[in-house]
Amino acid sequence: MVLTATEADGLTVDGQSFGGEVRIAADPGLASAARVAYGEGRLVVLVREGRGT
């Protein structure tokens, strides 16, 4: 998945303010370790077996 955002959107990727495009994959661990965050919340990318995209 490609995430596109501006710094004004308030997202962080790997703990850093984010603006631009970044390719992200499914998060393999706990939601608290997800790469993308919005404030205190985490945005988790999931893969569901047997489901189309």
PDB file of N, CA and C in Angstrom:
ATOM      1  N   MET A   1       0.848  -1.153   0.000  1.00  0.00           N
ATOM      2  CA  MET A   1       0.000   0.000   0.000  1.00  0.00           C
ATOM      3  C   MET A   1       0.901   1.225   0.000  1.00  0.00           C
ATOM      4  N   VAL A   2       0.475   2.269  -0.697  1.00  0.00           N
ATOM      5  CA  VAL A   2       1.214   3.531  -0.692  1.00  0.00           C
ATOM      6  C   VAL A   2       0.389   4.552   0.085  1.00  0.00           C
ATOM      7  N   LEU A   3       1.009   5.141   1.085  1.00  0.00           N
ATOM      8  CA  LEU A   3       0.369   6.174   1.897  1.00  0.00           C
ATOM      9  C   LEU A   3       0.833   7.533   1.394  1.00  0.00           C
ATOM     10  N   THR A   4      -0.115   8.420   1.115  1.00  0.00           N
ATOM     11  CA  THR A   4       0.187   9.783   0.692  1.00  0.00           C
ATOM     12  C   THR A   4      -0.441  10.734   1.700  1.00  0.00           C
ATOM     13  N   ALA A   5       0.349  11.673   2.207  1.00  0.00           N
ATOM     14  CA  ALA A   5      -0.147  12.628   3.197  1.00  0.00           C
ATOM     15  C   ALA A   5       0.707  13.889   3.161  1.00  0.00           C
ATOM     16  N   THR A   6       0.196  14.941   3.773  1.00  0.00           N
ATOM     17  CA  THR A   6       0.993  16.143   3.984  1.00  0.00           C
ATOM     18  C   THR A   6       1.296  16.248   5.470  1.00  0.00           C
ATOM     19  N   GLU A   7       2.274  17.043   5.838  1.00  0.00           N
ATOM     20  CA  GLU A   7       2.590  17.202   7.262  1.00  0.00           C
ATOM     21  C   GLU A   7       1.397  17.747   8.032  1.00  0.00           C
ATOM     22  N   ALA A   8       0.561  18.549   7.355  1.00  0.00           N
ATOM     23  CA  ALA A   8      -0.629  19.109   8.005  1.00  0.00           C
ATOM     24  C   ALA A   8      -1.635  18.027   8.403  1.00  0.00           C
ATOM     25  N   ASP A   9      -1.549  16.828   7.803  1.00  0.00           N
ATOM     26  CA  ASP A   9      -2.449  15.732   8.161  1.00  0.00           C
ATOM     27  C   ASP A   9      -2.155  15.178   9.545  1.00  0.00           C
ATOM     28  N   GLY A  10      -0.963  15.436  10.076  1.00  0.00           N
ATOM     29  CA  GLY A  10      -0.636  15.032  11.443  1.00  0.00           C
ATOM     30  C   GLY A  10      -0.199  13.595  11.623  1.00  0.00           C
ATOM     31  N   LEU A  11       0.150  12.915  10.544  1.00  0.00           N
ATOM     32  CA  LEU A  11       0.605  11.530  10.659  1.00  0.00           C
ATOM     33  C   LEU A  11       2.090  11.466  10.970  1.00  0.00           C
ATOM     34  N   THR A  12       2.486  10.375  11.611  1.00  0.00           N
ATOM     35  CA  THR A  12       3.905  10.078  11.776  1.00  0.00           C
ATOM     36  C   THR A  12       4.159   8.685  11.209  1.00  0.00           C
ATOM     37  N   VAL A  13       5.349   8.497  10.660  1.00  0.00           N
ATOM     38  CA  VAL A  13       5.790   7.198  10.170  1.00  0.00           C
ATOM     39  C   VAL A  13       7.132   6.923  10.836  1.00  0.00           C
ATOM     40  N   ASP A  14       7.222   5.800  11.498  1.00  0.00           N
ATOM     41  CA  ASP A  14       8.435   5.432  12.241  1.00  0.00           C
ATOM     42  C   ASP A  14       8.828   6.524  13.240  1.00  0.00           C
ATOM     43  N   GLY A  15       7.810   7.168  13.845  1.00  0.00           N
ATOM     44  CA  GLY A  15       8.047   8.164  14.880  1.00  0.00           C
ATOM     45  C   GLY A  15       8.410   9.553  14.390  1.00  0.00           C
ATOM     46  N   GLN A  16       8.418   9.769  13.074  1.00  0.00           N
ATOM     47  CA  GLN A  16       8.789  11.065  12.502  1.00  0.00           C
ATOM     48  C   GLN A  16       7.588  11.687  11.794  1.00  0.00           C
ATOM     49  N   SER A  17       7.459  13.029  11.866  1.00  0.00           N
ATOM     50  CA  SER A  17       6.411  13.712  11.113  1.00  0.00           C
ATOM     51  C   SER A  17       6.521  13.311   9.653  1.00  0.00           C
ATOM     52  N   PHE A  18       5.365  13.167   8.995  1.00  0.00           N
ATOM     53  CA  PHE A  18       5.383  12.637   7.649  1.00  0.00           C
ATOM     54  C   PHE A  18       4.640  13.526   6.676  1.00  0.00           C
ATOM     55  N   GLY A  19       5.268  13.734   5.528  1.00  0.00           N
ATOM     56  CA  GLY A  19       4.648  14.397   4.395  1.00  0.00           C
ATOM     57  C   GLY A  19       5.254  13.809   3.137  1.00  0.00           C
ATOM     58  N   GLY A  20       4.430  13.328   2.215  1.00  0.00           N
ATOM     59  CA  GLY A  20       4.924  12.735   0.977  1.00  0.00           C
ATOM     60  C   GLY A  20       4.269  11.390   0.737  1.00  0.00           C
ATOM     61  N   GLU A  21       5.028  10.486   0.142  1.00  0.00           N
ATOM     62  CA  GLU A  21       4.540   9.132  -0.121  1.00  0.00           C
ATOM     63  C   GLU A  21       5.498   8.119   0.489  1.00  0.00           C
ATOM     64  N   VAL A  22       4.925   7.061   1.040  1.00  0.00           N
ATOM     65  CA  VAL A  22       5.736   5.978   1.587  1.00  0.00           C
ATOM     66  C   VAL A  22       5.001   4.663   1.334  1.00  0.00           C
ATOM     67  N   ARG A  23       5.743   3.662   0.962  1.00  0.00           N
ATOM     68  CA  ARG A  23       5.163   2.327   0.760  1.00  0.00           C
ATOM     69  C   ARG A  23       5.177   1.622   2.115  1.00  0.00           C
ATOM     70  N   ILE A  24       4.017   1.104   2.517  1.00  0.00           N
ATOM     71  CA  ILE A  24       3.920   0.383   3.779  1.00  0.00           C
ATOM     72  C   ILE A  24       3.338  -0.994   3.508  1.00  0.00           C
ATOM     73  N   ALA A  25       3.751  -1.948   4.301  1.00  0.00           N
ATOM     74  CA  ALA A  25       3.283  -3.325   4.186  1.00  0.00           C
ATOM     75  C   ALA A  25       2.460  -3.662   5.424  1.00  0.00           C
ATOM     76  N   ALA A  26       1.913  -4.856   5.444  1.00  0.00           N
ATOM     77  CA  ALA A  26       1.141  -5.308   6.598  1.00  0.00           C
ATOM     78  C   ALA A  26       2.009  -5.276   7.850  1.00  0.00           C
ATOM     79  N   ASP A  27       1.397  -4.890   8.954  1.00  0.00           N
ATOM     80  CA  ASP A  27       2.098  -4.852  10.233  1.00  0.00           C
ATOM     81  C   ASP A  27       2.052  -6.246  10.847  1.00  0.00           C
ATOM     82  N   PRO A  28       3.218  -6.870  11.068  1.00  0.00           N
ATOM     83  CA  PRO A  28       3.234  -8.249  11.536  1.00  0.00           C
ATOM     84  C   PRO A  28       3.012  -8.418  13.038  1.00  0.00           C
ATOM     85  N   GLY A  29       3.158  -7.362  13.791  1.00  0.00           N
ATOM     86  CA  GLY A  29       3.087  -7.504  15.246  1.00  0.00           C
ATOM     87  C   GLY A  29       1.864  -6.831  15.845  1.00  0.00           C
ATOM     88  N   LEU A  30       2.010  -6.391  17.067  1.00  0.00           N
ATOM     89  CA  LEU A  30       0.935  -5.730  17.794  1.00  0.00           C
ATOM     90  C   LEU A  30       0.626  -4.360  17.199  1.00  0.00           C
ATOM     91  N   ALA A  31      -0.613  -3.911  17.340  1.00  0.00           N
ATOM     92  CA  ALA A  31      -1.007  -2.592  16.842  1.00  0.00           C
ATOM     93  C   ALA A  31      -0.139  -1.496  17.442  1.00  0.00           C
ATOM     94  N   SER A  32       0.278  -1.657  18.685  1.00  0.00           N
ATOM     95  CA  SER A  32       1.096  -0.633  19.340  1.00  0.00           C
ATOM     96  C   SER A  32       2.454  -0.454  18.680  1.00  0.00           C
ATOM     97  N   ALA A  33       2.855  -1.406  17.826  1.00  0.00           N
ATOM     98  CA  ALA A  33       4.141  -1.310  17.126  1.00  0.00           C
ATOM     99  C   ALA A  33       3.977  -0.911  15.658  1.00  0.00           C
ATOM    100  N   ALA A  34       2.749  -0.545  15.249  1.00  0.00           N
ATOM    101  CA  ALA A  34       2.505  -0.161  13.860  1.00  0.00           C
ATOM    102  C   ALA A  34       3.360   1.052  13.489  1.00  0.00           C
ATOM    103  N   ARG A  35       3.806   1.105  12.240  1.00  0.00           N
ATOM    104  CA  ARG A  35       4.680   2.177  11.761  1.00  0.00           C
ATOM    105  C   ARG A  35       3.981   3.524  11.648  1.00  0.00           C
ATOM    106  N   VAL A  36       2.676   3.540  11.371  1.00  0.00           N
ATOM    107  CA  VAL A  36       1.950   4.782  11.096  1.00  0.00           C
ATOM    108  C   VAL A  36       1.071   5.139  12.294  1.00  0.00           C
ATOM    109  N   ALA A  37       1.143   6.401  12.709  1.00  0.00           N
ATOM    110  CA  ALA A  37       0.345   6.852  13.846  1.00  0.00           C
ATOM    111  C   ALA A  37      -0.316   8.188  13.533  1.00  0.00           C
ATOM    112  N   TYR A  38      -1.438   8.409  14.200  1.00  0.00           N
ATOM    113  CA  TYR A  38      -2.137   9.691  14.161  1.00  0.00           C
ATOM    114  C   TYR A  38      -2.397  10.056  15.606  1.00  0.00           C
ATOM    115  N   GLY A  39      -1.591  10.942  16.139  1.00  0.00           N
ATOM    116  CA  GLY A  39      -1.666  11.253  17.562  1.00  0.00           C
ATOM    117  C   GLY A  39      -1.315  10.021  18.370  1.00  0.00           C
ATOM    118  N   GLU A  40      -2.182   9.644  19.287  1.00  0.00           N
ATOM    119  CA  GLU A  40      -1.968   8.448  20.107  1.00  0.00           C
ATOM    120  C   GLU A  40      -2.439   7.174  19.419  1.00  0.00           C
ATOM    121  N   GLY A  41      -3.194   7.323  18.337  1.00  0.00           N
ATOM    122  CA  GLY A  41      -3.737   6.152  17.640  1.00  0.00           C
ATOM    123  C   GLY A  41      -2.773   5.599  16.610  1.00  0.00           C
ATOM    124  N   ARG A  42      -2.866   4.331  16.372  1.00  0.00           N
ATOM    125  CA  ARG A  42      -2.041   3.652  15.366  1.00  0.00           C
ATOM    126  C   ARG A  42      -2.919   3.229  14.207  1.00  0.00           C
ATOM    127  N   LEU A  43      -2.398   3.368  12.989  1.00  0.00           N
ATOM    128  CA  LEU A  43      -3.081   2.915  11.782  1.00  0.00           C
ATOM    129  C   LEU A  43      -2.421   1.618  11.362  1.00  0.00           C
ATOM    130  N   VAL A  44      -3.176   0.544  11.404  1.00  0.00           N
ATOM    131  CA  VAL A  44      -2.639  -0.791  11.180  1.00  0.00           C
ATOM    132  C   VAL A  44      -3.051  -1.291   9.802  1.00  0.00           C
ATOM    133  N   VAL A  45      -2.096  -1.831   9.063  1.00  0.00           N
ATOM    134  CA  VAL A  45      -2.369  -2.446   7.769  1.00  0.00           C
ATOM    135  C   VAL A  45      -2.493  -3.947   8.003  1.00  0.00           C
ATOM    136  N   LEU A  46      -3.644  -4.511   7.610  1.00  0.00           N
ATOM    137  CA  LEU A  46      -3.911  -5.929   7.806  1.00  0.00           C
ATOM    138  C   LEU A  46      -3.969  -6.656   6.471  1.00  0.00           C
ATOM    139  N   VAL A  47      -3.610  -7.910   6.494  1.00  0.00           N
ATOM    140  CA  VAL A  47      -3.804  -8.798   5.355  1.00  0.00           C
ATOM    141  C   VAL A  47      -4.740  -9.896   5.822  1.00  0.00           C
ATOM    142  N   ARG A  48      -5.799 -10.100   5.083  1.00  0.00           N
ATOM    143  CA  ARG A  48      -6.752 -11.145   5.447  1.00  0.00           C
ATOM    144  C   ARG A  48      -6.671 -12.243   4.406  1.00  0.00           C
ATOM    145  N   GLU A  49      -6.376 -13.429   4.858  1.00  0.00           N
ATOM    146  CA  GLU A  49      -6.267 -14.570   3.948  1.00  0.00           C
ATOM    147  C   GLU A  49      -7.610 -14.864   3.295  1.00  0.00           C
ATOM    148  N   GLY A  50      -7.556 -15.191   2.003  1.00  0.00           N
ATOM    149  CA  GLY A  50      -8.752 -15.549   1.288  1.00  0.00           C
ATOM    150  C   GLY A  50      -9.603 -14.369   0.850  1.00  0.00           C
ATOM    151  N   ARG A  51      -9.106 -13.157   1.042  1.00  0.00           N
ATOM    152  CA  ARG A  51      -9.856 -11.961   0.663  1.00  0.00           C
ATOM    153  C   ARG A  51      -9.150 -11.265  -0.485  1.00  0.00           C
ATOM    154  N   GLY A  52      -9.905 -10.795  -1.440  1.00  0.00           N
ATOM    155  CA  GLY A  52      -9.328 -10.023  -2.540  1.00  0.00           C
ATOM    156  C   GLY A  52      -9.014  -8.608  -2.096  1.00  0.00           C
ATOM    157  N   THR A  53      -8.217  -7.901  -2.860  1.00  0.00           N
ATOM    158  CA  THR A  53      -7.880  -6.519  -2.521  1.00  0.00           C
ATOM    159  C   THR A  53      -8.800  -5.558  -3.216  1.00  0.00           C
TER     160      THR A  53
END
